Amino acid sequence: MAKQDNIELEGEVIAELGNSMFKVKIPTGQELICTISGKIRKNFIRIIVGDRVKIQVSPYDLTRGRITTRLKVYNTNTNQN
């Protein structure tokens, strides 16, 4: 049996649940419980409430996911003097 592909989504961290678990809201309005991937944990990347993240969700359980990347926030203020 072949390994199933994960579903990749983007969302925003809305709550920190402790034990490296976070509640992430995706654009469809659903809230998922996500853990941190090993690579983020290994490199000590901090994730806080309000961060935009990329997550992977298994097709077997659509309520849980894995945070794979913290997305960069670009400054949209282009007001230059």
N, C-alpha and C. Protein backbone atom coordinates (compact mmCIF):
# COMPACT_ATOMS: atom_id res chain seq x y z
N MET A 1 0.85 -1.17 0.00
CA MET A 1 0.00 0.00 0.00
C MET A 1 0.89 1.24 0.00
N ALA A 2 0.59 2.19 -0.85
CA ALA A 2 1.40 3.40 -0.98
C ALA A 2 1.10 4.37 0.16
N LYS A 3 2.12 5.14 0.49
CA LYS A 3 1.96 6.16 1.52
C LYS A 3 1.11 7.30 0.96
N GLN A 4 0.15 7.76 1.75
CA GLN A 4 -0.74 8.83 1.31
C GLN A 4 -0.04 10.18 1.42
N ASP A 5 -0.32 11.07 0.48
CA ASP A 5 0.23 12.42 0.53
C ASP A 5 -0.50 13.25 1.57
N ASN A 6 0.27 14.09 2.24
CA ASN A 6 -0.33 15.00 3.22
C ASN A 6 -0.90 16.21 2.51
N ILE A 7 -1.89 16.84 3.14
CA ILE A 7 -2.50 18.05 2.61
C ILE A 7 -1.77 19.23 3.23
N GLU A 8 -1.27 20.16 2.39
CA GLU A 8 -0.55 21.33 2.89
C GLU A 8 -1.49 22.52 2.92
N LEU A 9 -1.53 23.22 4.07
CA LEU A 9 -2.38 24.38 4.27
C LEU A 9 -1.59 25.49 4.95
N GLU A 10 -2.11 26.70 4.88
CA GLU A 10 -1.55 27.81 5.63
C GLU A 10 -2.59 28.28 6.64
N GLY A 11 -2.12 28.75 7.78
CA GLY A 11 -3.04 29.21 8.80
C GLY A 11 -2.35 30.16 9.77
N GLU A 12 -3.10 30.55 10.78
CA GLU A 12 -2.59 31.48 11.80
C GLU A 12 -2.75 30.85 13.17
N VAL A 13 -1.70 30.94 13.97
CA VAL A 13 -1.73 30.40 15.33
C VAL A 13 -2.63 31.30 16.18
N ILE A 14 -3.64 30.71 16.81
CA ILE A 14 -4.57 31.51 17.63
C ILE A 14 -4.44 31.20 19.12
N ALA A 15 -3.80 30.06 19.46
CA ALA A 15 -3.64 29.74 20.89
C ALA A 15 -2.48 28.76 21.06
N GLU A 16 -1.80 28.90 22.19
CA GLU A 16 -0.74 27.96 22.55
C GLU A 16 -1.30 27.05 23.64
N LEU A 17 -1.28 25.74 23.39
CA LEU A 17 -1.91 24.80 24.30
C LEU A 17 -0.93 24.15 25.27
N GLY A 18 0.36 24.40 25.11
CA GLY A 18 1.36 23.78 25.96
C GLY A 18 1.80 22.45 25.37
N ASN A 19 2.94 21.97 25.84
CA ASN A 19 3.49 20.70 25.37
C ASN A 19 3.72 20.73 23.86
N SER A 20 4.15 21.89 23.36
CA SER A 20 4.45 22.16 21.94
C SER A 20 3.25 21.88 21.03
N MET A 21 2.06 22.18 21.52
CA MET A 21 0.83 22.05 20.73
C MET A 21 0.21 23.44 20.57
N PHE A 22 -0.36 23.66 19.39
CA PHE A 22 -0.94 24.96 19.07
C PHE A 22 -2.30 24.75 18.41
N LYS A 23 -3.18 25.75 18.58
CA LYS A 23 -4.44 25.76 17.86
C LYS A 23 -4.26 26.71 16.68
N VAL A 24 -4.49 26.20 15.47
CA VAL A 24 -4.27 26.97 14.24
C VAL A 24 -5.59 27.11 13.50
N LYS A 25 -5.88 28.34 13.06
CA LYS A 25 -7.09 28.61 12.30
C LYS A 25 -6.71 28.73 10.82
N ILE A 26 -7.38 27.93 9.98
CA ILE A 26 -7.11 27.97 8.54
C ILE A 26 -8.15 28.85 7.87
N PRO A 27 -7.91 29.28 6.62
CA PRO A 27 -8.82 30.24 5.96
C PRO A 27 -10.27 29.78 5.82
N THR A 28 -10.54 28.48 5.88
CA THR A 28 -11.92 28.01 5.78
C THR A 28 -12.70 28.21 7.07
N GLY A 29 -11.99 28.62 8.14
CA GLY A 29 -12.65 28.85 9.42
C GLY A 29 -12.48 27.72 10.42
N GLN A 30 -11.94 26.60 9.99
CA GLN A 30 -11.74 25.47 10.90
C GLN A 30 -10.54 25.73 11.80
N GLU A 31 -10.59 25.15 12.99
CA GLU A 31 -9.48 25.23 13.93
C GLU A 31 -8.89 23.85 14.10
N LEU A 32 -7.57 23.73 13.91
CA LEU A 32 -6.87 22.45 14.00
C LEU A 32 -5.92 22.48 15.19
N ILE A 33 -5.69 21.32 15.78
CA ILE A 33 -4.69 21.19 16.82
C ILE A 33 -3.42 20.68 16.13
N CYS A 34 -2.33 21.43 16.28
CA CYS A 34 -1.10 21.11 15.56
C CYS A 34 0.08 20.99 16.51
N THR A 35 0.99 20.11 16.17
CA THR A 35 2.25 19.97 16.89
C THR A 35 3.37 20.54 16.04
N ILE A 36 4.53 20.71 16.64
CA ILE A 36 5.68 21.25 15.93
C ILE A 36 6.46 20.09 15.32
N SER A 37 6.92 20.27 14.08
CA SER A 37 7.73 19.24 13.43
C SER A 37 9.11 19.18 14.09
N GLY A 38 9.81 18.11 13.86
CA GLY A 38 11.12 17.90 14.47
C GLY A 38 12.16 18.90 14.02
N LYS A 39 12.10 19.34 12.77
CA LYS A 39 13.09 20.28 12.25
C LYS A 39 12.95 21.65 12.93
N ILE A 40 11.71 22.09 13.17
CA ILE A 40 11.50 23.36 13.88
C ILE A 40 11.96 23.23 15.32
N ARG A 41 11.68 22.11 15.94
CA ARG A 41 12.09 21.87 17.33
C ARG A 41 13.61 21.82 17.45
N LYS A 42 14.25 21.17 16.48
CA LYS A 42 15.71 21.01 16.50
C LYS A 42 16.42 22.35 16.35
N ASN A 43 15.88 23.25 15.53
CA ASN A 43 16.52 24.55 15.27
C ASN A 43 16.03 25.66 16.20
N PHE A 44 15.26 25.31 17.22
CA PHE A 44 14.80 26.25 18.25
C PHE A 44 14.06 27.44 17.64
N ILE A 45 13.21 27.20 16.66
CA ILE A 45 12.41 28.26 16.06
C ILE A 45 11.20 28.51 16.95
N ARG A 46 11.03 29.75 17.38
CA ARG A 46 9.95 30.10 18.28
C ARG A 46 8.67 30.37 17.48
N ILE A 47 7.57 29.86 17.98
CA ILE A 47 6.26 30.11 17.38
C ILE A 47 5.39 30.71 18.46
N ILE A 48 4.77 31.86 18.14
CA ILE A 48 3.93 32.54 19.11
C ILE A 48 2.56 32.80 18.48
N VAL A 49 1.62 33.20 19.31
CA VAL A 49 0.27 33.49 18.83
C VAL A 49 0.33 34.64 17.83
N GLY A 50 -0.35 34.46 16.70
CA GLY A 50 -0.38 35.47 15.66
C GLY A 50 0.53 35.15 14.49
N ASP A 51 1.42 34.17 14.63
CA ASP A 51 2.31 33.79 13.55
C ASP A 51 1.54 33.08 12.44
N ARG A 52 1.94 33.33 11.19
CA ARG A 52 1.42 32.59 10.04
C ARG A 52 2.30 31.36 9.87
N VAL A 53 1.68 30.19 9.71
CA VAL A 53 2.43 28.94 9.60
C VAL A 53 1.90 28.10 8.45
N LYS A 54 2.75 27.21 7.97
CA LYS A 54 2.36 26.23 6.98
C LYS A 54 2.24 24.90 7.71
N ILE A 55 1.13 24.20 7.49
CA ILE A 55 0.89 22.94 8.21
C ILE A 55 0.62 21.82 7.22
N GLN A 56 0.86 20.60 7.68
CA GLN A 56 0.52 19.40 6.92
C GLN A 56 -0.55 18.65 7.70
N VAL A 57 -1.57 18.21 6.98
CA VAL A 57 -2.68 17.48 7.59
C VAL A 57 -2.80 16.13 6.90
N SER A 58 -2.94 15.08 7.68
CA SER A 58 -3.13 13.74 7.13
C SER A 58 -4.55 13.61 6.59
N PRO A 59 -4.73 12.92 5.47
CA PRO A 59 -6.10 12.74 4.96
C PRO A 59 -6.96 11.85 5.87
N TYR A 60 -6.34 11.15 6.81
CA TYR A 60 -7.09 10.26 7.70
C TYR A 60 -7.69 10.98 8.90
N ASP A 61 -7.03 12.06 9.38
CA ASP A 61 -7.54 12.83 10.52
C ASP A 61 -7.39 14.30 10.19
N LEU A 62 -8.47 14.94 9.81
CA LEU A 62 -8.43 16.33 9.36
C LEU A 62 -8.53 17.33 10.50
N THR A 63 -8.48 16.87 11.75
CA THR A 63 -8.55 17.78 12.89
C THR A 63 -7.18 18.01 13.52
N ARG A 64 -6.17 17.26 13.10
CA ARG A 64 -4.83 17.38 13.66
C ARG A 64 -3.82 17.62 12.55
N GLY A 65 -2.77 18.37 12.88
CA GLY A 65 -1.77 18.66 11.86
C GLY A 65 -0.39 18.79 12.46
N ARG A 66 0.57 19.08 11.59
CA ARG A 66 1.97 19.24 11.97
C ARG A 66 2.45 20.57 11.39
N ILE A 67 2.98 21.46 12.23
CA ILE A 67 3.52 22.73 11.75
C ILE A 67 4.88 22.46 11.15
N THR A 68 5.03 22.77 9.85
CA THR A 68 6.28 22.49 9.16
C THR A 68 7.12 23.74 8.91
N THR A 69 6.48 24.91 8.79
CA THR A 69 7.21 26.14 8.48
C THR A 69 6.54 27.32 9.15
N ARG A 70 7.35 28.22 9.68
CA ARG A 70 6.83 29.51 10.13
C ARG A 70 7.06 30.49 9.01
N LEU A 71 5.99 31.09 8.51
CA LEU A 71 6.09 31.97 7.35
C LEU A 71 6.57 33.36 7.76
N LYS A 72 7.34 33.97 6.88
CA LYS A 72 7.86 35.31 7.15
C LYS A 72 6.75 36.34 7.00
N VAL A 73 6.78 37.34 7.85
CA VAL A 73 5.83 38.43 7.79
C VAL A 73 6.55 39.62 7.17
N TYR A 74 6.01 40.10 6.07
CA TYR A 74 6.60 41.23 5.39
C TYR A 74 5.91 42.50 5.83
N ASN A 75 6.67 43.57 5.96
CA ASN A 75 6.12 44.86 6.34
C ASN A 75 5.38 45.46 5.16
N THR A 76 4.08 45.63 5.29
CA THR A 76 3.27 46.15 4.20
C THR A 76 3.18 47.66 4.21
N ASN A 77 3.80 48.28 5.21
CA ASN A 77 3.79 49.74 5.30
C ASN A 77 4.85 50.29 4.34
N THR A 78 4.40 50.85 3.23
CA THR A 78 5.33 51.38 2.23
C THR A 78 5.39 52.90 2.27
N ASN A 79 4.99 53.48 3.39
CA ASN A 79 5.00 54.93 3.54
C ASN A 79 6.43 55.39 3.76
N GLN A 80 7.02 55.99 2.74
CA GLN A 80 8.39 56.47 2.83
C GLN A 80 8.39 57.98 2.82
N ASN A 81 9.23 58.57 3.66
CA ASN A 81 9.29 60.05 3.75
C ASN A 81 10.29 60.61 2.79
